[in-house]
Every structure is written in C-alpha cells, then in structure tokens.
C-alpha cells in the first residue's frame, strides 16, 4: 500500500521510514526483553518496504548491523525475522549481493562463537539458508519415453497417498 501511495504522495514513504527507523532505534537501544512482537513487527515492516524498493537498502543494513553488534536475546530474533523477510531479495540483488554475503558470513561466525542454545541456533541457520540456499547438484534425468515418465510420476503420487499424505 505504501509503495502504491508513494507514487502520488511523495512524502508518505519518507515520513513512514523516519518513524520506523526511530522506533527501531528506540527498541534496540532500550535493551529490555519485553515487547518482542513490537520489535519483530517493526523490522518486518522495514524488510517489506525494502522488497518494494520504498526503503533504501542502507537502512536495512544499518538495522542488521545494529542487531549484530549486540547479538543476544531478542536481537537474534530480530535479525532472523529481517533475513526471512528480505534477506533473499538482498542476496539476489546485484547491487547488494556482496554486502549481504558478508553479513551472512558474519552472522554464522557469531552463531558459532556464541555457542547458542538449540532454538536460537536453529533460527539463525534457517534464516541463513533461506537467504542463501545450499547448492544442489543438477538432477540427472534418464532418457525415457514420455509415457514412462508419466507412469513414474503417477506411481510416486500413489506411493505418497498410500503413506497417509493427501494429494
């Protein structure tokens, strides 16, 4: 909605971004372990605005850096939510690929150095691999007639259905 409105109301995006950035800085500097929902809602909004190219990528990277500077408690959740929201977009954008790759490597180093509990560690790994999926080897296709390929797909579908999964 903001991206659409900003085409005819030029100042709406800048005012909103200013408010979101001020709220983010307030919430991060406050360092209390309350209001996790507010922190996550704020960072997801910033991330969504980035994907719609309303928010500059510099704002997202400064938020990411602020959370990585104090990589504890809620900041881990905030980093993971930000990466889940716009991390893949930033990693795939040609102008931000290198910077995002560096941030992701830094994130993984922090995860390993801090010896996180299993839950935060899993959150970090999920966010990392959502941004930068592991390389898969190319699937080798067998040269079979199309009828055989269709029959194989039907057979696999029936096997899935037999194991209790719905089609």
Protein backbone atom coordinates (compact mmCIF):
# COMPACT_ATOMS: atom_id res chain seq x y z
CA UNK A 1 0.00 0.00 0.00
CA UNK A 2 2.82 2.40 0.86
CA UNK A 3 4.59 1.68 -2.44
CA UNK A 4 1.38 2.45 -4.33
CA UNK A 5 0.59 5.59 -2.35
CA UNK A 6 4.14 6.91 -2.62
CA UNK A 7 3.75 7.27 -6.39
CA UNK A 8 1.31 10.14 -5.87
CA UNK A 9 2.10 11.19 -2.27
CA UNK A 10 5.89 11.60 -2.35
CA UNK A 11 6.42 12.38 1.33
CA UNK A 12 4.47 9.46 2.78
CA UNK A 13 7.30 6.96 2.38
CA UNK A 14 9.97 9.23 3.82
CA UNK A 15 7.83 10.10 6.86
CA UNK A 16 6.96 6.46 7.46
CA UNK A 17 10.59 5.36 7.11
CA UNK A 18 11.69 8.05 9.54
CA UNK A 19 9.14 6.86 12.10
CA UNK A 20 10.07 3.20 11.61
CA UNK A 21 13.78 3.95 11.95
CA UNK A 22 13.21 5.98 15.12
CA UNK A 23 11.07 3.18 16.58
CA UNK A 24 13.70 0.59 15.68
CA UNK A 25 16.49 2.62 17.32
CA UNK A 26 14.35 3.17 20.42
CA UNK A 27 13.51 -0.52 20.74
CA UNK A 28 17.09 -1.70 20.17
CA UNK A 29 18.66 0.87 22.50
CA UNK A 30 16.11 0.19 25.24
CA UNK A 31 17.58 -3.34 25.60
CA UNK A 32 14.62 -4.68 27.53
CA UNK A 33 13.44 -8.20 26.90
CA UNK A 34 9.81 -7.18 26.58
CA UNK A 35 7.76 -6.37 23.51
CA UNK A 36 9.37 -8.88 21.16
CA UNK A 37 6.24 -8.68 18.98
CA UNK A 38 6.72 -4.93 18.54
CA UNK A 39 10.36 -5.38 17.56
CA UNK A 40 9.51 -8.10 15.05
CA UNK A 41 6.58 -6.16 13.59
CA UNK A 42 8.82 -3.12 13.14
CA UNK A 43 11.66 -4.99 11.43
CA UNK A 44 9.31 -6.98 9.19
CA UNK A 45 7.70 -3.73 8.03
CA UNK A 46 11.13 -2.29 7.20
CA UNK A 47 12.02 -5.51 5.35
CA UNK A 48 8.82 -5.50 3.32
CA UNK A 49 9.37 -1.86 2.36
CA UNK A 50 12.84 -2.83 1.19
CA UNK A 51 11.45 -5.52 -1.10
CA UNK A 52 9.09 -2.95 -2.64
CA UNK A 53 12.07 -0.58 -3.02
CA UNK A 54 10.48 2.01 -0.75
CA UNK A 55 13.11 1.63 1.94
CA UNK A 56 16.75 2.15 1.00
CA UNK A 57 18.95 -0.90 1.45
CA UNK A 58 21.23 1.18 3.66
CA UNK A 59 18.51 1.32 6.32
CA UNK A 60 18.14 -2.46 6.30
CA UNK A 61 21.89 -2.99 6.56
CA UNK A 62 22.18 -0.47 9.41
CA UNK A 63 19.39 -2.31 11.28
CA UNK A 64 21.14 -5.61 10.62
CA UNK A 65 24.46 -4.23 11.84
CA UNK A 66 22.87 -2.76 14.99
CA UNK A 67 21.47 -6.17 15.89
CA UNK A 68 24.70 -7.99 15.07
CA UNK A 69 26.66 -5.56 17.27
CA UNK A 70 24.65 -6.86 20.24
CA UNK A 71 23.92 -10.41 19.12
CA UNK A 72 21.93 -11.59 22.15
CA UNK A 73 18.35 -12.41 23.16
CA UNK A 74 15.74 -10.55 21.11
CA UNK A 75 18.29 -9.18 18.66
CA UNK A 76 18.77 -12.72 17.37
CA UNK A 77 15.04 -12.96 16.70
CA UNK A 78 15.04 -9.54 15.05
CA UNK A 79 17.97 -10.46 12.76
CA UNK A 80 16.31 -13.72 11.77
CA UNK A 81 12.99 -12.02 11.02
CA UNK A 82 14.70 -9.37 8.93
CA UNK A 83 16.57 -12.01 6.95
CA UNK A 84 13.42 -14.06 6.48
CA UNK A 85 11.60 -11.01 5.19
CA UNK A 86 14.09 -9.50 2.74
CA UNK A 87 17.35 -11.42 3.04
CA UNK A 88 16.88 -13.49 -0.10
CA UNK A 89 15.90 -10.35 -2.03
CA UNK A 90 19.06 -8.56 -0.90
CA UNK A 91 21.25 -11.60 -1.57
CA UNK A 92 19.90 -11.93 -5.12
CA UNK A 93 20.01 -8.20 -5.96
CA UNK A 94 23.20 -7.50 -7.92
CA UNK A 95 23.95 -4.25 -6.09
CA UNK A 96 23.73 -5.82 -2.61
CA UNK A 97 24.91 -9.41 -3.15
CA UNK A 98 28.44 -8.92 -1.80
CA UNK A 99 27.36 -6.89 1.21
CA UNK A 100 24.66 -9.40 2.10
CA UNK A 101 27.04 -12.34 1.66
CA UNK A 102 29.47 -10.65 4.08
CA UNK A 103 26.68 -10.07 6.61
CA UNK A 104 25.56 -13.69 6.33
CA UNK A 105 29.10 -14.94 6.93
CA UNK A 106 29.40 -12.63 9.93
CA UNK A 107 26.09 -13.96 11.24
CA UNK A 108 27.31 -17.55 11.01
CA UNK A 109 30.58 -16.66 12.73
CA UNK A 110 28.64 -15.05 15.60
CA UNK A 111 26.42 -18.12 15.84
CA UNK A 112 29.43 -20.40 16.15
CA UNK A 113 31.34 -18.17 18.57
CA UNK A 114 28.40 -17.53 20.91
CA UNK A 115 27.54 -21.23 21.34
CA UNK A 116 23.83 -20.51 21.20
CA UNK A 117 21.11 -22.72 22.61
CA UNK A 118 19.48 -25.07 20.08
CA UNK A 119 16.43 -22.85 19.41
CA UNK A 120 18.29 -19.62 18.51
CA UNK A 121 20.90 -21.64 16.64
CA UNK A 122 18.19 -23.24 14.52
CA UNK A 123 16.58 -19.85 13.89
CA UNK A 124 19.89 -18.48 12.64
CA UNK A 125 20.58 -21.47 10.41
CA UNK A 126 17.07 -21.34 8.93
CA UNK A 127 17.39 -17.63 8.19
CA UNK A 128 20.84 -18.15 6.67
CA UNK A 129 19.74 -20.94 4.36
CA UNK A 130 16.57 -19.09 3.41
CA UNK A 131 18.76 -16.24 2.13
CA UNK A 132 21.49 -18.42 0.66
CA UNK A 133 20.17 -21.89 -0.17
CA UNK A 134 22.77 -24.66 -0.38
CA UNK A 135 23.97 -25.54 -3.84
CA UNK A 136 22.32 -28.64 -5.19
CA UNK A 137 23.78 -30.93 -7.76
CA UNK A 138 21.98 -30.99 -11.07
CA UNK A 139 19.36 -33.67 -11.29
CA UNK A 140 20.27 -36.35 -13.78
CA UNK A 141 17.34 -37.19 -15.98
CA UNK A 142 17.00 -40.55 -17.53
CA UNK A 143 16.26 -40.63 -21.21
CA UNK A 144 12.95 -42.43 -21.07
CA UNK A 145 9.92 -42.13 -23.28
CA UNK A 146 7.35 -39.56 -22.08
CA UNK A 147 4.83 -42.31 -21.28
CA UNK A 148 7.30 -43.94 -18.86
CA UNK A 149 7.94 -40.58 -17.17
CA UNK A 150 4.21 -40.00 -16.66
CA UNK A 151 3.73 -43.51 -15.29
CA UNK A 152 6.62 -42.96 -12.85
CA UNK A 153 5.06 -39.72 -11.60
CA UNK A 154 1.70 -41.45 -11.13
CA UNK A 155 3.40 -44.29 -9.25
CA UNK A 156 5.15 -41.80 -6.95
CA UNK A 157 1.88 -39.98 -6.36
CA UNK A 158 0.16 -43.24 -5.40
CA UNK A 159 3.01 -44.15 -3.03
CA UNK A 160 2.68 -40.78 -1.29
CA UNK A 161 -1.05 -41.31 -0.98
CA UNK A 162 -0.53 -44.81 0.47
CA UNK A 163 1.70 -43.34 3.21
CA UNK A 164 -1.12 -41.14 4.50
CA UNK A 165 -0.29 -37.97 2.60
CA UNK A 166 -3.08 -36.30 0.68
CA UNK A 167 -2.77 -35.38 -2.94
